Amino acid sequence: IVVDCVNPLGFDKKGPFALPVPEGSAAQQAEQLLP
């Protein structure tokens, strides 16, 4: 069991924002990398 708690975020002068992830999310990226 792998528990992914990674948040793909960026930060600029306006504050935090979500980054685009090609796989859809960090967890889905993990799922593809760890079949």
Full PDB file with SEQRES, HELIX, SHEET, SSBOND, CRYST1, ORIGX, SCALE, CONECT and MASTER records, all heavy atoms in Angstrom:
SEQRES   1 A   35  ILE VAL VAL ASP CYS VAL ASN PRO LEU GLY PHE ASP LYS          
SEQRES   2 A   35  LYS GLY PRO PHE ALA LEU PRO VAL PRO GLU GLY SER ALA          
SEQRES   3 A   35  ALA GLN GLN ALA GLU GLN LEU LEU PRO                          
HELIX    1 AA1 ALA A   26  LEU A   33  1                                   8    
SHEET    1 AA1 2 LEU A   9  ASP A  12  0                                        
SHEET    2 AA1 2 GLY A  15  ALA A  18 -1                                        
CRYST1    1.000    1.000    1.000  90.00  90.00  90.00 P 1           1          
ORIGX1      1.000000  0.000000  0.000000        0.00000                         
ORIGX2      0.000000  1.000000  0.000000        0.00000                         
ORIGX3      0.000000  0.000000  1.000000        0.00000                         
SCALE1      1.000000  0.000000  0.000000        0.00000                         
SCALE2      0.000000  1.000000  0.000000        0.00000                         
SCALE3      0.000000  0.000000  1.000000        0.00000                         
ATOM      1  N   ILE A   1       0.851  -1.182   0.000  1.00  0.00           N  
ATOM      2  CA  ILE A   1       0.000   0.000   0.000  1.00  0.00           C  
ATOM      3  C   ILE A   1       0.889   1.235   0.000  1.00  0.00           C  
ATOM      4  O   ILE A   1       1.744   1.395   0.868  1.00  0.00           O  
ATOM      5  CB  ILE A   1      -0.939   0.018   1.217  1.00  0.00           C  
ATOM      6  CG1 ILE A   1      -1.924  -1.156   1.157  1.00  0.00           C  
ATOM      7  CG2 ILE A   1      -1.702   1.341   1.294  1.00  0.00           C  
ATOM      8  CD1 ILE A   1      -2.805  -1.288   2.401  1.00  0.00           C  
ATOM      9  N   VAL A   2       0.696   2.080  -1.001  1.00  0.00           N  
ATOM     10  CA  VAL A   2       1.421   3.345  -1.087  1.00  0.00           C  
ATOM     11  C   VAL A   2       0.413   4.462  -0.875  1.00  0.00           C  
ATOM     12  O   VAL A   2      -0.618   4.512  -1.538  1.00  0.00           O  
ATOM     13  CB  VAL A   2       2.114   3.493  -2.452  1.00  0.00           C  
ATOM     14  CG1 VAL A   2       2.754   4.875  -2.584  1.00  0.00           C  
ATOM     15  CG2 VAL A   2       3.161   2.404  -2.647  1.00  0.00           C  
ATOM     16  N   VAL A   3       0.719   5.353   0.055  1.00  0.00           N  
ATOM     17  CA  VAL A   3      -0.154   6.487   0.365  1.00  0.00           C  
ATOM     18  C   VAL A   3       0.529   7.746  -0.151  1.00  0.00           C  
ATOM     19  O   VAL A   3       1.563   8.156   0.370  1.00  0.00           O  
ATOM     20  CB  VAL A   3      -0.404   6.621   1.879  1.00  0.00           C  
ATOM     21  CG1 VAL A   3      -1.463   7.693   2.146  1.00  0.00           C  
ATOM     22  CG2 VAL A   3      -0.811   5.285   2.489  1.00  0.00           C  
ATOM     23  N   ASP A   4      -0.060   8.346  -1.184  1.00  0.00           N  
ATOM     24  CA  ASP A   4       0.531   9.549  -1.760  1.00  0.00           C  
ATOM     25  C   ASP A   4      -0.140  10.771  -1.135  1.00  0.00           C  
ATOM     26  O   ASP A   4      -1.355  10.913  -1.197  1.00  0.00           O  
ATOM     27  CB  ASP A   4       0.322   9.553  -3.276  1.00  0.00           C  
ATOM     28  CG  ASP A   4       1.296  10.470  -3.996  1.00  0.00           C  
ATOM     29  OD1 ASP A   4       1.243  11.693  -3.731  1.00  0.00           O  
ATOM     30  OD2 ASP A   4       2.097   9.988  -4.812  1.00  0.00           O  
ATOM     31  N   CYS A   5       0.656  11.642  -0.517  1.00  0.00           N  
ATOM     32  CA  CYS A   5       0.090  12.868   0.070  1.00  0.00           C  
ATOM     33  C   CYS A   5       0.719  14.114  -0.537  1.00  0.00           C  
ATOM     34  O   CYS A   5       0.691  15.198   0.048  1.00  0.00           O  
ATOM     35  CB  CYS A   5       0.233  12.867   1.593  1.00  0.00           C  
ATOM     36  SG  CYS A   5       1.882  13.160   2.220  1.00  0.00           S  
ATOM     37  N   VAL A   6       1.273  13.956  -1.735  1.00  0.00           N  
ATOM     38  CA  VAL A   6       1.992  15.046  -2.385  1.00  0.00           C  
ATOM     39  C   VAL A   6       1.001  16.017  -3.034  1.00  0.00           C  
ATOM     40  O   VAL A   6       0.055  15.602  -3.701  1.00  0.00           O  
ATOM     41  CB  VAL A   6       2.981  14.489  -3.423  1.00  0.00           C  
ATOM     42  CG1 VAL A   6       3.641  15.611  -4.201  1.00  0.00           C  
ATOM     43  CG2 VAL A   6       4.026  13.625  -2.725  1.00  0.00           C  
ATOM     44  N   ASN A   7       1.238  17.295  -2.832  1.00  0.00           N  
ATOM     45  CA  ASN A   7       0.400  18.352  -3.397  1.00  0.00           C  
ATOM     46  C   ASN A   7       1.196  19.114  -4.454  1.00  0.00           C  
ATOM     47  O   ASN A   7       2.128  19.851  -4.106  1.00  0.00           O  
ATOM     48  CB  ASN A   7      -0.046  19.334  -2.306  1.00  0.00           C  
ATOM     49  CG  ASN A   7      -0.883  18.662  -1.238  1.00  0.00           C  
ATOM     50  OD1 ASN A   7      -1.869  18.007  -1.527  1.00  0.00           O  
ATOM     51  ND2 ASN A   7      -0.482  18.831   0.018  1.00  0.00           N  
ATOM     52  N   PRO A   8       0.863  18.956  -5.739  1.00  0.00           N  
ATOM     53  CA  PRO A   8       1.575  19.708  -6.773  1.00  0.00           C  
ATOM     54  C   PRO A   8       1.124  21.176  -6.770  1.00  0.00           C  
ATOM     55  O   PRO A   8       0.100  21.527  -7.346  1.00  0.00           O  
ATOM     56  CB  PRO A   8       1.168  19.007  -8.072  1.00  0.00           C  
ATOM     57  CG  PRO A   8       0.558  17.703  -7.657  1.00  0.00           C  
ATOM     58  CD  PRO A   8      -0.064  17.970  -6.333  1.00  0.00           C  
ATOM     59  N   LEU A   9       1.894  22.009  -6.108  1.00  0.00           N  
ATOM     60  CA  LEU A   9       1.531  23.412  -5.953  1.00  0.00           C  
ATOM     61  C   LEU A   9       2.652  24.317  -6.435  1.00  0.00           C  
ATOM     62  O   LEU A   9       3.831  23.972  -6.356  1.00  0.00           O  
ATOM     63  CB  LEU A   9       1.240  23.735  -4.477  1.00  0.00           C  
ATOM     64  CG  LEU A   9       0.093  22.999  -3.788  1.00  0.00           C  
ATOM     65  CD1 LEU A   9       0.006  23.426  -2.339  1.00  0.00           C  
ATOM     66  CD2 LEU A   9      -1.224  23.257  -4.505  1.00  0.00           C  
ATOM     67  N   GLY A  10       2.248  25.487  -6.911  1.00  0.00           N  
ATOM     68  CA  GLY A  10       3.191  26.549  -7.202  1.00  0.00           C  
ATOM     69  C   GLY A  10       2.900  27.743  -6.306  1.00  0.00           C  
ATOM     70  O   GLY A  10       1.821  27.836  -5.706  1.00  0.00           O  
ATOM     71  N   PHE A  11       3.861  28.641  -6.206  1.00  0.00           N  
ATOM     72  CA  PHE A  11       3.699  29.834  -5.374  1.00  0.00           C  
ATOM     73  C   PHE A  11       4.240  31.039  -6.143  1.00  0.00           C  
ATOM     74  O   PHE A  11       5.308  30.974  -6.751  1.00  0.00           O  
ATOM     75  CB  PHE A  11       4.456  29.693  -4.046  1.00  0.00           C  
ATOM     76  CG  PHE A  11       3.934  28.592  -3.163  1.00  0.00           C  
ATOM     77  CD1 PHE A  11       4.369  27.282  -3.329  1.00  0.00           C  
ATOM     78  CD2 PHE A  11       2.986  28.862  -2.181  1.00  0.00           C  
ATOM     79  CE1 PHE A  11       3.880  26.264  -2.521  1.00  0.00           C  
ATOM     80  CE2 PHE A  11       2.493  27.844  -1.373  1.00  0.00           C  
ATOM     81  CZ  PHE A  11       2.943  26.548  -1.546  1.00  0.00           C  
ATOM     82  N   ASP A  12       3.465  32.119  -6.129  1.00  0.00           N  
ATOM     83  CA  ASP A  12       3.936  33.375  -6.694  1.00  0.00           C  
ATOM     84  C   ASP A  12       3.480  34.513  -5.784  1.00  0.00           C  
ATOM     85  O   ASP A  12       3.028  34.255  -4.660  1.00  0.00           O  
ATOM     86  CB  ASP A  12       3.459  33.544  -8.145  1.00  0.00           C  
ATOM     87  CG  ASP A  12       1.941  33.575  -8.278  1.00  0.00           C  
ATOM     88  OD1 ASP A  12       1.232  33.800  -7.261  1.00  0.00           O  
ATOM     89  OD2 ASP A  12       1.433  33.385  -9.406  1.00  0.00           O  
ATOM     90  N   LYS A  13       3.586  35.734  -6.238  1.00  0.00           N  
ATOM     91  CA  LYS A  13       3.245  36.862  -5.373  1.00  0.00           C  
ATOM     92  C   LYS A  13       1.768  36.897  -5.003  1.00  0.00           C  
ATOM     93  O   LYS A  13       1.387  37.582  -4.052  1.00  0.00           O  
ATOM     94  CB  LYS A  13       3.660  38.178  -6.038  1.00  0.00           C  
ATOM     95  CG  LYS A  13       2.961  38.468  -7.354  1.00  0.00           C  
ATOM     96  CD  LYS A  13       3.494  39.753  -7.970  1.00  0.00           C  
ATOM     97  CE  LYS A  13       2.819  40.057  -9.301  1.00  0.00           C  
ATOM     98  NZ  LYS A  13       3.345  41.297  -9.914  1.00  0.00           N  
ATOM     99  N   LYS A  14       0.926  36.181  -5.739  1.00  0.00           N  
ATOM    100  CA  LYS A  14      -0.493  36.102  -5.398  1.00  0.00           C  
ATOM    101  C   LYS A  14      -0.796  34.955  -4.426  1.00  0.00           C  
ATOM    102  O   LYS A  14      -1.926  34.826  -3.964  1.00  0.00           O  
ATOM    103  CB  LYS A  14      -1.333  35.922  -6.665  1.00  0.00           C  
ATOM    104  CG  LYS A  14      -1.314  37.118  -7.592  1.00  0.00           C  
ATOM    105  CD  LYS A  14      -2.223  36.879  -8.791  1.00  0.00           C  
ATOM    106  CE  LYS A  14      -2.237  38.083  -9.722  1.00  0.00           C  
ATOM    107  NZ  LYS A  14      -3.130  37.851 -10.887  1.00  0.00           N  
ATOM    108  N   GLY A  15       0.198  34.111  -4.156  1.00  0.00           N  
ATOM    109  CA  GLY A  15      -0.010  33.022  -3.215  1.00  0.00           C  
ATOM    110  C   GLY A  15       0.056  31.659  -3.876  1.00  0.00           C  
ATOM    111  O   GLY A  15       0.577  31.509  -4.990  1.00  0.00           O  
ATOM    112  N   PRO A  16      -0.488  30.635  -3.210  1.00  0.00           N  
ATOM    113  CA  PRO A  16      -0.401  29.270  -3.720  1.00  0.00           C  
ATOM    114  C   PRO A  16      -1.423  29.006  -4.823  1.00  0.00           C  
ATOM    115  O   PRO A  16      -2.504  29.592  -4.854  1.00  0.00           O  
ATOM    116  CB  PRO A  16      -0.715  28.424  -2.483  1.00  0.00           C  
ATOM    117  CG  PRO A  16      -1.620  29.296  -1.663  1.00  0.00           C  
ATOM    118  CD  PRO A  16      -1.149  30.705  -1.885  1.00  0.00           C  
ATOM    119  N   PHE A  17      -1.046  28.091  -5.726  1.00  0.00           N  
ATOM    120  CA  PHE A  17      -1.986  27.675  -6.774  1.00  0.00           C  
ATOM    121  C   PHE A  17      -1.646  26.258  -7.212  1.00  0.00           C  
ATOM    122  O   PHE A  17      -0.507  25.796  -7.072  1.00  0.00           O  
ATOM    123  CB  PHE A  17      -1.928  28.631  -7.974  1.00  0.00           C  
ATOM    124  CG  PHE A  17      -0.575  28.706  -8.649  1.00  0.00           C  
ATOM    125  CD1 PHE A  17      -0.294  27.953  -9.778  1.00  0.00           C  
ATOM    126  CD2 PHE A  17       0.424  29.550  -8.149  1.00  0.00           C  
ATOM    127  CE1 PHE A  17       0.942  28.030 -10.396  1.00  0.00           C  
ATOM    128  CE2 PHE A  17       1.664  29.623  -8.755  1.00  0.00           C  
ATOM    129  CZ  PHE A  17       1.926  28.858  -9.892  1.00  0.00           C  
ATOM    130  N   ALA A  18      -2.659  25.537  -7.731  1.00  0.00           N  
ATOM    131  CA  ALA A  18      -2.469  24.160  -8.161  1.00  0.00           C  
ATOM    132  C   ALA A  18      -1.750  24.106  -9.502  1.00  0.00           C  
ATOM    133  O   ALA A  18      -2.040  24.889 -10.408  1.00  0.00           O  
ATOM    134  CB  ALA A  18      -3.817  23.461  -8.265  1.00  0.00           C  
ATOM    135  N   LEU A  19      -0.806  23.184  -9.633  1.00  0.00           N  
ATOM    136  CA  LEU A  19      -0.085  22.993 -10.876  1.00  0.00           C  
ATOM    137  C   LEU A  19      -0.772  21.923 -11.732  1.00  0.00           C  
ATOM    138  O   LEU A  19      -1.321  20.960 -11.189  1.00  0.00           O  
ATOM    139  CB  LEU A  19       1.347  22.542 -10.588  1.00  0.00           C  
ATOM    140  CG  LEU A  19       2.245  23.529  -9.845  1.00  0.00           C  
ATOM    141  CD1 LEU A  19       3.574  22.866  -9.493  1.00  0.00           C  
ATOM    142  CD2 LEU A  19       2.484  24.786 -10.682  1.00  0.00           C  
ATOM    143  N   PRO A  20      -0.734  22.066 -13.037  1.00  0.00           N  
ATOM    144  CA  PRO A  20      -1.280  21.008 -13.893  1.00  0.00           C  
ATOM    145  C   PRO A  20      -0.384  19.773 -13.851  1.00  0.00           C  
ATOM    146  O   PRO A  20       0.848  19.890 -13.819  1.00  0.00           O  
ATOM    147  CB  PRO A  20      -1.287  21.648 -15.286  1.00  0.00           C  
ATOM    148  CG  PRO A  20      -0.221  22.701 -15.227  1.00  0.00           C  
ATOM    149  CD  PRO A  20      -0.223  23.212 -13.809  1.00  0.00           C  
ATOM    150  N   VAL A  21      -1.000  18.602 -13.838  1.00  0.00           N  
ATOM    151  CA  VAL A  21      -0.270  17.336 -13.834  1.00  0.00           C  
ATOM    152  C   VAL A  21      -0.754  16.510 -15.027  1.00  0.00           C  
ATOM    153  O   VAL A  21      -1.952  16.248 -15.140  1.00  0.00           O  
ATOM    154  CB  VAL A  21      -0.520  16.560 -12.520  1.00  0.00           C  
ATOM    155  CG1 VAL A  21       0.238  15.236 -12.533  1.00  0.00           C  
ATOM    156  CG2 VAL A  21      -0.115  17.395 -11.312  1.00  0.00           C  
ATOM    157  N   PRO A  22       0.132  16.121 -15.924  1.00  0.00           N  
ATOM    158  CA  PRO A  22      -0.307  15.402 -17.128  1.00  0.00           C  
ATOM    159  C   PRO A  22      -1.151  14.161 -16.834  1.00  0.00           C  
ATOM    160  O   PRO A  22      -2.116  13.879 -17.551  1.00  0.00           O  
ATOM    161  CB  PRO A  22       1.014  15.033 -17.812  1.00  0.00           C  
ATOM    162  CG  PRO A  22       1.987  16.073 -17.351  1.00  0.00           C  
ATOM    163  CD  PRO A  22       1.582  16.399 -15.945  1.00  0.00           C  
ATOM    164  N   GLU A  23      -0.807  13.442 -15.764  1.00  0.00           N  
ATOM    165  CA  GLU A  23      -1.555  12.224 -15.425  1.00  0.00           C  
ATOM    166  C   GLU A  23      -2.883  12.525 -14.737  1.00  0.00           C  
ATOM    167  O   GLU A  23      -3.688  11.616 -14.516  1.00  0.00           O  
ATOM    168  CB  GLU A  23      -0.710  11.320 -14.524  1.00  0.00           C  
ATOM    169  CG  GLU A  23       0.562  10.798 -15.168  1.00  0.00           C  
ATOM    170  CD  GLU A  23       1.746  11.768 -15.041  1.00  0.00           C  
ATOM    171  OE1 GLU A  23       1.542  12.918 -14.586  1.00  0.00           O  
ATOM    172  OE2 GLU A  23       2.863  11.373 -15.386  1.00  0.00           O  
ATOM    173  N   GLY A  24      -3.108  13.779 -14.355  1.00  0.00           N  
ATOM    174  CA  GLY A  24      -4.322  14.188 -13.671  1.00  0.00           C  
ATOM    175  C   GLY A  24      -4.075  14.616 -12.244  1.00  0.00           C  
ATOM    176  O   GLY A  24      -4.695  15.557 -11.751  1.00  0.00           O  
ATOM    177  N   SER A  25      -3.181  13.932 -11.543  1.00  0.00           N  
ATOM    178  CA  SER A  25      -2.857  14.253 -10.149  1.00  0.00           C  
ATOM    179  C   SER A  25      -1.565  13.549  -9.781  1.00  0.00           C  
ATOM    180  O   SER A  25      -1.098  12.643 -10.496  1.00  0.00           O  
ATOM    181  CB  SER A  25      -3.977  13.783  -9.215  1.00  0.00           C  
ATOM    182  OG  SER A  25      -4.096  12.366  -9.236  1.00  0.00           O  
ATOM    183  N   ALA A  26      -0.987  13.931  -8.651  1.00  0.00           N  
ATOM    184  CA  ALA A  26       0.209  13.246  -8.161  1.00  0.00           C  
ATOM    185  C   ALA A  26      -0.094  11.778  -7.891  1.00  0.00           C  
ATOM    186  O   ALA A  26       0.710  10.891  -8.192  1.00  0.00           O  
ATOM    187  CB  ALA A  26       0.726  13.928  -6.901  1.00  0.00           C  
ATOM    188  N   ALA A  27      -1.267  11.505  -7.316  1.00  0.00           N  
ATOM    189  CA  ALA A  27      -1.631  10.123  -6.996  1.00  0.00           C  
ATOM    190  C   ALA A  27      -1.777   9.280  -8.255  1.00  0.00           C  
ATOM    191  O   ALA A  27      -1.362   8.111  -8.285  1.00  0.00           O  
ATOM    192  CB  ALA A  27      -2.921  10.106  -6.188  1.00  0.00           C  
ATOM    193  N   GLN A  28      -2.366   9.854  -9.309  1.00  0.00           N  
ATOM    194  CA  GLN A  28      -2.491   9.112 -10.562  1.00  0.00           C  
ATOM    195  C   GLN A  28      -1.138   8.913 -11.229  1.00  0.00           C  
ATOM    196  O   GLN A  28      -0.903   7.884 -11.869  1.00  0.00           O  
ATOM    197  CB  GLN A  28      -3.450   9.840 -11.498  1.00  0.00           C  
ATOM    198  CG  GLN A  28      -4.910   9.734 -11.060  1.00  0.00           C  
ATOM    199  CD  GLN A  28      -5.804  10.652 -11.873  1.00  0.00           C  
ATOM    200  OE1 GLN A  28      -5.731  11.869 -11.743  1.00  0.00           O  
ATOM    201  NE2 GLN A  28      -6.642  10.066 -12.711  1.00  0.00           N  
ATOM    202  N   GLN A  29      -0.242   9.872 -11.058  1.00  0.00           N  
ATOM    203  CA  GLN A  29       1.122   9.676 -11.537  1.00  0.00           C  
ATOM    204  C   GLN A  29       1.765   8.502 -10.808  1.00  0.00           C  
ATOM    205  O   GLN A  29       2.412   7.642 -11.423  1.00  0.00           O  
ATOM    206  CB  GLN A  29       1.955  10.943 -11.331  1.00  0.00           C  
ATOM    207  CG  GLN A  29       3.361  10.840 -11.880  1.00  0.00           C  
ATOM    208  CD  GLN A  29       4.191  12.069 -11.578  1.00  0.00           C  
ATOM    209  OE1 GLN A  29       4.766  12.181 -10.503  1.00  0.00           O  
ATOM    210  NE2 GLN A  29       4.243  13.000 -12.525  1.00  0.00           N  
ATOM    211  N   ALA A  30       1.571   8.453  -9.484  1.00  0.00           N  
ATOM    212  CA  ALA A  30       2.107   7.339  -8.700  1.00  0.00           C  
ATOM    213  C   ALA A  30       1.527   6.013  -9.172  1.00  0.00           C  
ATOM    214  O   ALA A  30       2.241   5.003  -9.277  1.00  0.00           O  
ATOM    215  CB  ALA A  30       1.807   7.556  -7.222  1.00  0.00           C  
ATOM    216  N   GLU A  31       0.233   6.000  -9.459  1.00  0.00           N  
ATOM    217  CA  GLU A  31      -0.422   4.775  -9.920  1.00  0.00           C  
ATOM    218  C   GLU A  31       0.199   4.280 -11.229  1.00  0.00           C  
ATOM    219  O   GLU A  31       0.398   3.077 -11.417  1.00  0.00           O  
ATOM    220  CB  GLU A  31      -1.906   5.039 -10.102  1.00  0.00           C  
ATOM    221  CG  GLU A  31      -2.713   3.818 -10.535  1.00  0.00           C  
ATOM    222  CD  GLU A  31      -4.168   4.174 -10.751  1.00  0.00           C  
ATOM    223  OE1 GLU A  31      -4.449   5.226 -11.369  1.00  0.00           O  
ATOM    224  OE2 GLU A  31      -5.027   3.390 -10.317  1.00  0.00           O  
ATOM    225  N   GLN A  32       0.509   5.203 -12.124  1.00  0.00           N  
ATOM    226  CA  GLN A  32       1.111   4.805 -13.395  1.00  0.00           C  
ATOM    227  C   GLN A  32       2.544   4.323 -13.218  1.00  0.00           C  
ATOM    228  O   GLN A  32       2.986   3.388 -13.882  1.00  0.00           O  
ATOM    229  CB  GLN A  32       1.072   5.971 -14.377  1.00  0.00           C  
ATOM    230  CG  GLN A  32      -0.330   6.288 -14.879  1.00  0.00           C  
ATOM    231  CD  GLN A  32      -0.341   7.268 -16.038  1.00  0.00           C  
ATOM    232  OE1 GLN A  32       0.660   7.424 -16.742  1.00  0.00           O  
ATOM    233  NE2 GLN A  32      -1.471   7.935 -16.247  1.00  0.00           N  
ATOM    234  N   LEU A  33       3.266   4.946 -12.316  1.00  0.00           N  
ATOM    235  CA  LEU A  33       4.664   4.569 -12.087  1.00  0.00           C  
ATOM    236  C   LEU A  33       4.799   3.284 -11.277  1.00  0.00           C  
ATOM    237  O   LEU A  33       5.833   2.618 -11.354  1.00  0.00           O  
ATOM    238  CB  LEU A  33       5.389   5.704 -11.362  1.00  0.00           C  
ATOM    239  CG  LEU A  33       5.582   6.995 -12.144  1.00  0.00           C  
ATOM    240  CD1 LEU A  33       6.107   8.094 -11.235  1.00  0.00           C  
ATOM    241  CD2 LEU A  33       6.530   6.777 -13.321  1.00  0.00           C  
ATOM    242  N   LEU A  34       3.767   2.959 -10.501  1.00  0.00           N  
ATOM    243  CA  LEU A  34       3.818   1.810  -9.589  1.00  0.00           C  
ATOM    244  C   LEU A  34       2.658   0.851  -9.889  1.00  0.00           C  
ATOM    245  O   LEU A  34       1.766   0.654  -9.060  1.00  0.00           O  
ATOM    246  CB  LEU A  34       3.738   2.283  -8.137  1.00  0.00           C  
ATOM    247  CG  LEU A  34       4.786   3.307  -7.692  1.00  0.00           C  
ATOM    248  CD1 LEU A  34       4.448   3.843  -6.307  1.00  0.00           C  
ATOM    249  CD2 LEU A  34       6.179   2.686  -7.708  1.00  0.00           C  
ATOM    250  N   PRO A  35       2.659   0.211 -11.059  1.00  0.00           N  
ATOM    251  CA  PRO A  35       1.522  -0.626 -11.441  1.00  0.00           C  
ATOM    252  C   PRO A  35       1.323  -1.856 -10.558  1.00  0.00           C  
ATOM    253  O   PRO A  35       0.226  -2.436 -10.547  1.00  0.00           O  
ATOM    254  CB  PRO A  35       1.849  -1.024 -12.887  1.00  0.00           C  
ATOM    255  CG  PRO A  35       3.337  -0.912 -12.984  1.00  0.00           C  
ATOM    256  CD  PRO A  35       3.704   0.242 -12.104  1.00  0.00           C  
TER     257      PRO A  35                                                      
MASTER        0    0    0    1    2    0    0    6  256    1    0    3          
END                                                                             
